[in-house]
């Protein structure tokens, strides 16, 4: 039986619960929600599976040391005492990134330098030679996390952030992050049992993530690689077994529709959809939201990420656009459920519909609301009595 060890899955603020549920589904033990992260334990197979199949994780870390430190010099001393020969050789090119939530430690870059120095000095004393820092495609990626005075040094098993699925070959301005898109779909309860529609689809992220979830296709199928593939104990046969296992995939009998006012956005979306191989399930066309007719069947799901108008919070065009969104939803999509994410609360009020759920989360650095609107024919009072 394979040995179990602790791990941490990083995510966005607001997606911790969804990620915890995903981890439980793939067989993780000791699942505990943290700040923008979920800790858990499992064996090597679970480490590979977490990287390959989790939709709402940004990266999977394996802690190798946790200690208290009051300054960067104390971090250096503790890091130097780690037995680095367990994880690398003097010829291993390594890179370090640091995340700091602390009043004591002001500069994450200085912490990174001190850990780098500790590793270099460890090998100089052991073999009279220093390993190289390799910022591009390192052999070993390390993560330093500091909360107050608690320091955790981890191996980063993912490498590139897991939101970089591999299907995005074209983009538009401010596309929604793939991990966030998948998390929003999960929060909305999307499982492929209805039609889906995104009337402001941009480069198609919601559409593609919805198609992958509907068929239960792992998001890792498009990735070119993971950091753990360079580890000394990498089990290629085990990973290939996970990669080639499609036993949990399922048929999708409904359809996904996308549209955008921008011809350029539609072109970009179509390129990404083709790259993902999901074109059988997704139709995209150029049309302004004001000209939409209800395409969704009874019980369908609508999701959109409209412009926030952050630079001009009271921008009349943005307010008018949100008003148009509300009108289209009310008059042309009765029987569907809509979800809208935005950082602009004033604009959301212009939709003119009362949200049945309001969820606070982050899109990048922006505090956002993710609102649910149950769309019914006639007035709300009549609907509630039916």
Protein backbone atom coordinates (compact mmCIF):
# COMPACT_ATOMS: atom_id res chain seq x y z
CA UNK A 1 0.00 0.00 0.00
CA UNK A 2 1.31 3.41 -1.00
CA UNK A 3 2.38 5.83 1.72
CA UNK A 4 0.06 8.75 2.55
CA UNK A 5 1.43 12.28 3.02
CA UNK A 6 -0.02 15.79 3.52
CA UNK A 7 -0.77 18.08 0.56
CA UNK A 8 -2.29 21.51 -0.05
CA UNK A 9 -4.44 22.53 -3.02
CA UNK A 10 -4.45 26.29 -3.68
CA UNK A 11 -7.51 28.06 -5.09
CA UNK A 12 -9.34 31.41 -5.30
CA UNK A 13 -11.15 33.01 -2.39
CA UNK A 14 -14.73 31.75 -2.49
CA UNK A 15 -13.98 28.39 -4.16
CA UNK A 16 -12.60 26.58 -1.09
CA UNK A 17 -15.81 24.61 -0.40
CA UNK A 18 -16.14 23.51 -4.04
CA UNK A 19 -12.50 22.37 -4.08
CA UNK A 20 -12.98 20.46 -0.80
CA UNK A 21 -15.93 18.61 -2.38
CA UNK A 22 -13.84 17.80 -5.47
CA UNK A 23 -11.04 16.42 -3.29
CA UNK A 24 -13.46 14.24 -1.34
CA UNK A 25 -14.82 12.88 -4.64
CA UNK A 26 -11.38 11.72 -5.79
CA UNK A 27 -10.68 9.98 -2.47
CA UNK A 28 -8.64 12.52 -0.48
CA UNK A 29 -8.40 12.05 3.30
CA UNK A 30 -8.29 14.66 6.10
CA UNK A 31 -9.82 17.37 3.87
CA UNK A 32 -9.75 20.73 5.66
CA UNK A 33 -10.65 24.17 4.31
CA UNK A 34 -8.04 26.93 4.75
CA UNK A 35 -7.61 30.47 3.40
CA UNK A 36 -7.65 30.20 -0.41
CA UNK A 37 -6.57 26.58 -0.01
CA UNK A 38 -7.66 23.12 1.09
CA UNK A 39 -5.31 20.76 2.95
CA UNK A 40 -5.66 17.01 2.53
CA UNK A 41 -3.69 13.79 2.55
CA UNK A 42 -3.24 10.94 0.11
CA UNK A 43 -0.69 8.83 -1.72
CA UNK A 44 1.27 9.37 -4.93
CA UNK A 45 -1.67 8.24 -7.07
CA UNK A 46 -3.89 10.88 -5.42
CA UNK A 47 -1.20 13.54 -6.02
CA UNK A 48 -1.23 12.75 -9.74
CA UNK A 49 -5.03 12.52 -9.84
CA UNK A 50 -5.42 15.87 -8.02
CA UNK A 51 -3.27 17.63 -10.61
CA UNK A 52 -4.98 15.90 -13.52
CA UNK A 53 -8.65 16.03 -12.53
CA UNK A 54 -9.35 18.89 -10.10
CA UNK A 55 -11.15 21.75 -11.86
CA UNK A 56 -10.92 24.33 -9.08
CA UNK A 57 -7.30 23.90 -7.91
CA UNK A 58 -4.58 26.33 -9.02
CA UNK A 59 -1.68 24.16 -7.84
CA UNK A 60 -0.95 21.16 -5.62
CA UNK A 61 1.78 21.61 -3.01
CA UNK A 62 3.56 18.96 -0.92
CA UNK A 63 4.85 20.53 2.35
CA UNK A 64 8.33 19.37 3.36
CA UNK A 65 8.94 21.70 6.34
CA UNK A 66 6.83 23.90 8.62
CA UNK A 67 8.38 26.13 11.28
CA UNK A 68 8.08 29.46 13.11
CA UNK A 69 10.41 32.32 12.14
CA UNK A 70 10.58 35.98 13.14
CA UNK A 71 12.76 37.18 10.25
CA UNK A 72 14.33 36.12 6.95
CA UNK A 73 17.57 35.06 8.65
CA UNK A 74 15.63 32.60 10.81
CA UNK A 75 13.99 31.26 7.63
CA UNK A 76 17.49 30.78 6.18
CA UNK A 77 18.70 28.82 9.24
CA UNK A 78 15.66 26.52 9.22
CA UNK A 79 15.76 25.99 5.45
CA UNK A 80 19.45 25.10 5.59
CA UNK A 81 18.68 22.27 8.01
CA UNK A 82 16.30 20.55 5.56
CA UNK A 83 17.79 17.39 4.03
CA UNK A 84 17.71 18.68 0.46
CA UNK A 85 19.31 15.48 -0.86
CA UNK A 86 15.87 13.82 -0.45
CA UNK A 87 14.43 16.08 -3.15
CA UNK A 88 17.28 17.11 -5.47
CA UNK A 89 20.95 16.77 -6.37
CA UNK A 90 23.57 19.47 -6.76
CA UNK A 91 22.81 19.39 -10.51
CA UNK A 92 19.08 20.08 -10.08
CA UNK A 93 18.01 23.47 -11.47
CA UNK A 94 15.46 24.92 -9.05
CA UNK A 95 13.12 27.89 -8.74
CA UNK A 96 11.30 29.37 -5.73
CA UNK A 97 8.18 31.47 -5.40
CA UNK A 98 6.87 32.95 -2.17
CA UNK A 99 3.46 33.98 -0.85
CA UNK A 100 3.50 36.20 2.23
CA UNK A 101 0.58 37.22 4.50
CA UNK A 102 2.55 38.79 7.34
CA UNK A 103 3.29 42.07 9.09
CA UNK A 104 6.72 40.68 10.06
CA UNK A 105 7.85 39.74 6.55
CA UNK A 106 7.39 42.66 4.20
CA UNK A 107 9.29 41.47 1.14
CA UNK A 108 8.49 38.09 -0.42
CA UNK A 109 11.46 38.45 -2.80
CA UNK A 110 13.91 38.73 0.10
CA UNK A 111 12.46 35.57 1.66
CA UNK A 112 12.93 33.83 -1.70
CA UNK A 113 16.59 34.95 -1.83
CA UNK A 114 17.26 33.66 1.69
CA UNK A 115 15.78 30.21 0.95
CA UNK A 116 17.83 30.12 -2.27
CA UNK A 117 20.95 30.98 -0.23
CA UNK A 118 20.14 28.23 2.29
CA UNK A 119 19.89 25.60 -0.47
CA UNK A 120 23.08 26.85 -2.14
CA UNK A 121 25.01 26.82 1.17
CA UNK A 122 23.67 23.34 2.05
CA UNK A 123 25.13 21.94 -1.17
CA UNK A 124 28.36 23.96 -0.94
CA UNK A 125 29.03 22.45 2.49
CA UNK A 126 28.00 18.96 1.34
CA UNK A 127 29.69 18.78 -2.07
CA UNK A 128 31.65 22.01 -2.55
CA UNK A 129 29.38 23.05 -5.41
CA UNK A 130 26.24 25.18 -5.77
CA UNK A 131 23.11 24.16 -7.68
CA UNK A 132 21.74 26.58 -10.27
CA UNK A 133 18.60 28.66 -10.08
CA UNK A 134 16.57 27.92 -13.22
CA UNK A 135 13.62 30.28 -13.60
CA UNK A 136 12.35 28.80 -16.88
CA UNK A 137 11.21 25.17 -16.80
CA UNK A 138 13.03 24.28 -13.54
CA UNK A 139 13.76 20.68 -12.52
CA UNK A 140 12.34 21.43 -9.06
CA UNK A 141 9.78 24.11 -8.23
CA UNK A 142 9.56 25.21 -4.57
CA UNK A 143 6.95 27.29 -2.78
CA UNK A 144 7.43 29.30 0.41
CA UNK A 145 4.22 30.30 2.22
CA UNK A 146 4.32 32.64 5.23
CA UNK A 147 1.27 33.42 7.38
CA UNK A 148 2.20 35.73 10.29
CA UNK A 149 5.31 33.91 11.63
CA UNK A 150 4.51 30.41 10.37
CA UNK A 151 6.58 29.33 7.39
CA UNK A 152 5.79 26.36 5.15
CA UNK A 153 8.21 25.21 2.45
CA UNK A 154 6.65 22.93 -0.14
CA UNK A 155 7.42 21.12 -3.36
CA UNK A 156 5.18 22.46 -6.13
CA UNK A 157 3.91 19.38 -7.98
CA UNK A 158 2.03 21.34 -10.66
CA UNK A 159 4.56 23.70 -12.23
CA UNK A 160 2.50 26.02 -14.40
CA UNK A 161 -0.74 27.04 -12.70
CA UNK A 162 -3.46 24.44 -13.26
CA UNK A 163 -5.76 27.09 -14.75
CA UNK A 164 -3.52 26.82 -17.83
CA UNK A 165 -5.44 23.85 -19.18
CA UNK A 166 -3.78 23.91 -22.59
CA UNK A 167 -6.77 24.57 -24.85
CA UNK A 168 -6.55 28.39 -24.83
CA UNK A 169 -4.81 29.33 -28.06
CA UNK A 170 -6.64 32.65 -28.50
CA UNK A 171 -7.76 35.29 -26.02
CA UNK A 172 -9.72 38.50 -25.58
CA UNK A 173 -9.33 41.35 -23.12
CA UNK A 174 -9.67 40.21 -19.47
CA UNK A 175 -10.78 36.60 -20.06
CA UNK A 176 -12.17 34.81 -17.01
CA UNK A 177 -9.70 32.39 -15.42
CA UNK A 178 -10.46 28.74 -16.26
CA UNK A 179 -10.37 27.64 -12.59
CA UNK A 180 -12.75 30.44 -11.60
CA UNK A 181 -15.07 29.60 -14.52
CA UNK A 182 -15.19 25.93 -13.49
CA UNK A 183 -15.81 26.92 -9.87
CA UNK A 184 -18.71 29.20 -10.81
CA UNK A 185 -20.24 26.42 -12.91
CA UNK A 186 -19.91 24.02 -9.97
CA UNK A 187 -21.49 26.55 -7.57
CA UNK A 188 -24.37 26.95 -10.03
CA UNK A 189 -24.91 23.18 -9.95
CA UNK A 190 -24.08 22.67 -13.64
CA UNK A 191 -23.87 18.96 -14.50
CA UNK A 192 -24.87 18.84 -18.17
CA UNK A 193 -28.53 17.95 -17.58
CA UNK A 194 -29.89 21.01 -19.45
CA UNK A 195 -28.87 23.40 -22.22
CA UNK A 196 -26.31 26.07 -21.32
CA UNK A 197 -25.95 29.60 -22.65
CA UNK A 198 -23.37 32.38 -22.29
CA UNK A 199 -24.54 35.51 -24.17
CA UNK A 200 -21.24 37.38 -23.49
CA UNK A 201 -18.90 34.49 -24.17
CA UNK A 202 -15.65 36.37 -24.93
CA UNK A 203 -13.01 33.76 -25.76
CA UNK A 204 -15.32 30.90 -24.73
CA UNK A 205 -14.05 29.86 -21.28
CA UNK A 206 -17.47 29.22 -19.71
CA UNK A 207 -18.56 27.30 -22.83
CA UNK A 208 -15.55 24.97 -22.86
CA UNK A 209 -15.48 24.39 -19.09
CA UNK A 210 -19.24 23.67 -19.21
CA UNK A 211 -18.68 21.08 -21.98
CA UNK A 212 -15.86 19.40 -20.03
CA UNK A 213 -17.94 19.22 -16.82
CA UNK A 214 -21.00 17.95 -18.74
CA UNK A 215 -18.98 14.98 -20.03
CA UNK A 216 -16.85 14.63 -16.90
CA UNK A 217 -13.68 15.00 -18.98
CA UNK A 218 -10.64 15.77 -16.80
CA UNK A 219 -9.21 19.28 -17.38
CA UNK A 220 -5.70 17.83 -17.47
CA UNK A 221 -6.12 16.03 -20.81
CA UNK A 222 -4.84 19.11 -22.69
CA UNK A 223 -1.81 19.81 -20.48
CA UNK A 224 1.69 19.29 -21.83
CA UNK A 225 3.15 18.39 -18.44
CA UNK A 226 3.41 18.74 -14.66
CA UNK A 227 6.32 19.48 -12.35
CA UNK A 228 6.02 16.08 -10.63
CA UNK A 229 7.05 14.38 -13.90
CA UNK A 230 10.61 15.62 -13.23
CA UNK A 231 10.76 14.23 -9.68
CA UNK A 232 13.16 11.36 -9.00
CA UNK A 233 10.32 9.09 -7.80
CA UNK A 234 8.00 9.80 -10.78
CA UNK A 235 5.97 6.70 -11.66
CA UNK A 236 5.32 7.02 -15.40
CA UNK A 237 3.15 3.88 -15.62
CA UNK A 238 0.90 5.05 -12.77
CA UNK A 239 0.42 8.48 -14.35
CA UNK A 240 -0.31 7.00 -17.78
CA UNK A 241 -2.94 4.76 -16.18
CA UNK A 242 -4.64 7.85 -14.68
CA UNK A 243 -4.29 9.82 -17.91
CA UNK A 244 -5.83 7.08 -20.07
CA UNK A 245 -8.70 6.19 -17.73
CA UNK A 246 -11.90 7.53 -19.31
CA UNK A 247 -14.26 5.22 -17.38
CA UNK A 248 -15.93 8.13 -15.56
CA UNK A 249 -16.72 10.13 -18.69
CA UNK A 250 -20.41 10.38 -19.61
CA UNK A 251 -22.53 11.32 -22.65
CA UNK A 252 -23.89 14.87 -23.02
CA UNK A 253 -27.27 15.02 -24.77
CA UNK A 254 -28.03 18.75 -24.45
CA UNK A 255 -26.31 21.70 -26.12
CA UNK A 256 -24.16 24.71 -25.28
CA UNK A 257 -24.70 28.10 -26.94
CA UNK A 258 -22.48 31.16 -26.87
CA UNK A 259 -22.69 34.59 -28.39
CA UNK A 260 -20.90 37.91 -28.22
CA UNK A 261 -21.38 41.35 -29.75
CA UNK A 262 -17.74 41.27 -30.91
CA UNK A 263 -16.87 39.47 -34.15
CA UNK A 264 -13.26 39.20 -32.90
CA UNK A 265 -14.38 37.54 -29.64
CA UNK A 266 -16.48 35.00 -31.54
CA UNK A 267 -13.47 34.14 -33.74
CA UNK A 268 -11.26 33.67 -30.67
CA UNK A 269 -13.88 31.52 -28.95
CA UNK A 270 -14.19 29.31 -32.02
CA UNK A 271 -10.40 28.76 -32.11
CA UNK A 272 -10.36 27.68 -28.45
CA UNK A 273 -13.41 25.44 -28.90
CA UNK A 274 -11.74 23.69 -31.85
CA UNK A 275 -8.54 23.25 -29.82
CA UNK A 276 -10.55 21.65 -26.99
CA UNK A 277 -12.35 19.32 -29.41
CA UNK A 278 -15.74 20.46 -28.07
CA UNK A 279 -17.16 21.92 -31.30
CA UNK A 280 -19.83 19.17 -31.58
CA UNK A 281 -21.46 20.46 -28.41
CA UNK A 282 -20.98 24.24 -28.72
CA UNK A 283 -22.45 26.76 -31.16
CA UNK A 284 -21.13 30.35 -31.13
CA UNK A 285 -22.38 33.33 -33.13
CA UNK A 286 -22.04 37.08 -33.21
CA UNK A 287 -25.10 38.86 -31.81
CA UNK A 288 -25.73 41.74 -29.41
CA UNK A 289 -27.44 40.71 -26.17
CA UNK A 290 -30.25 43.19 -26.91
CA UNK A 291 -31.15 41.17 -30.04
CA UNK A 292 -31.19 37.77 -28.37
CA UNK A 293 -34.13 35.42 -28.51
CA UNK A 294 -34.53 32.73 -25.86
CA UNK A 295 -32.49 29.76 -26.96
CA UNK A 296 -32.58 27.87 -23.71
CA UNK A 297 -35.07 25.12 -23.01
CA UNK A 298 -37.12 25.09 -19.81
CA UNK A 299 -34.73 24.68 -16.89
CA UNK A 300 -31.68 25.81 -18.88
CA UNK A 301 -28.68 27.54 -17.32
CA UNK A 302 -27.37 30.96 -18.37
CA UNK A 303 -24.04 32.31 -17.11
CA UNK A 304 -22.21 35.49 -17.99
CA UNK A 305 -19.29 37.70 -17.04
CA UNK A 306 -20.32 41.13 -18.39
CA UNK A 307 -17.96 44.16 -18.45
CA UNK A 308 -17.58 45.62 -14.96
CA UNK A 309 -16.89 49.21 -16.02
CA UNK A 310 -14.34 49.46 -13.19
CA UNK A 311 -12.60 52.58 -14.45
CA UNK A 312 -15.87 54.52 -14.62
CA UNK A 313 -18.15 53.07 -11.96
CA UNK A 314 -21.04 55.29 -13.04
CA UNK A 315 -20.47 54.82 -16.77
CA UNK A 316 -23.90 55.26 -18.38
CA UNK A 317 -23.14 52.72 -21.11
CA UNK A 318 -22.36 50.02 -18.53
CA UNK A 319 -25.51 50.83 -16.54
CA UNK A 320 -27.57 50.71 -19.74
CA UNK A 321 -26.00 47.38 -20.70
CA UNK A 322 -26.93 45.81 -17.34
CA UNK A 323 -30.45 47.16 -17.74
CA UNK A 324 -30.64 45.49 -21.16
CA UNK A 325 -29.36 42.23 -19.64
CA UNK A 326 -32.17 42.28 -17.09
CA UNK A 327 -34.80 43.00 -19.73
CA UNK A 328 -33.61 40.21 -22.03
CA UNK A 329 -33.46 37.69 -19.18
CA UNK A 330 -36.94 38.56 -17.93
CA UNK A 331 -38.73 38.65 -21.28
CA UNK A 332 -36.93 36.01 -23.34
CA UNK A 333 -35.60 33.38 -20.95
CA UNK A 334 -38.54 32.51 -18.68
CA UNK A 335 -38.04 29.12 -17.05
CA UNK A 336 -34.24 29.33 -17.06
CA UNK A 337 -31.82 30.18 -14.25
CA UNK A 338 -29.20 32.89 -14.78
CA UNK A 339 -25.93 33.54 -12.92
CA UNK A 340 -23.97 36.77 -13.35
CA UNK A 341 -20.56 37.67 -11.89
CA UNK A 342 -19.57 41.34 -11.54
CA UNK A 343 -17.58 43.64 -9.26
CA UNK A 344 -19.96 46.53 -10.05
CA UNK A 345 -22.78 46.48 -7.47
CA UNK A 346 -24.41 49.61 -8.87
CA UNK A 347 -24.54 48.06 -12.33
CA UNK A 348 -25.98 44.80 -10.94
CA UNK A 349 -28.84 46.81 -9.43
CA UNK A 350 -29.66 48.04 -12.95
CA UNK A 351 -30.57 44.46 -13.92
CA UNK A 352 -33.83 45.11 -12.10
CA UNK A 353 -34.30 41.51 -10.97
CA UNK A 354 -34.03 40.35 -7.37
CA UNK A 355 -31.22 37.80 -6.97
CA UNK A 356 -32.24 34.59 -5.22
CA UNK A 357 -28.62 34.00 -4.16
CA UNK A 358 -25.65 36.35 -3.75
CA UNK A 359 -22.19 34.87 -3.31
CA UNK A 360 -19.07 36.93 -2.55
CA UNK A 361 -15.85 35.86 -4.27
CA UNK A 362 -12.78 37.23 -6.01
CA UNK A 363 -12.02 37.62 -9.71
CA UNK A 364 -8.31 38.38 -9.65
CA UNK A 365 -7.94 41.33 -7.27
CA UNK A 366 -11.59 42.37 -7.62
CA UNK A 367 -14.24 41.69 -4.99
CA UNK A 368 -17.21 40.34 -6.93
CA UNK A 369 -20.77 39.24 -6.45
CA UNK A 370 -21.98 36.08 -8.14
CA UNK A 371 -25.75 36.48 -8.35
CA UNK A 372 -28.37 33.88 -9.18
CA UNK A 373 -31.63 34.92 -10.86
CA UNK A 374 -34.50 32.43 -11.15
CA UNK A 375 -36.39 33.58 -14.24
CA UNK A 376 -40.14 33.10 -14.20
CA UNK A 377 -43.02 34.22 -16.40
CA UNK A 378 -45.28 36.95 -15.01
CA UNK A 379 -44.71 38.67 -11.68
CA UNK A 380 -42.75 37.27 -8.75
CA UNK A 381 -45.76 37.00 -6.44
CA UNK A 382 -47.63 34.77 -8.90
CA UNK A 383 -44.50 32.64 -9.38
CA UNK A 384 -44.01 32.15 -5.63
CA UNK A 385 -47.60 30.98 -5.27
CA UNK A 386 -47.36 28.49 -8.15
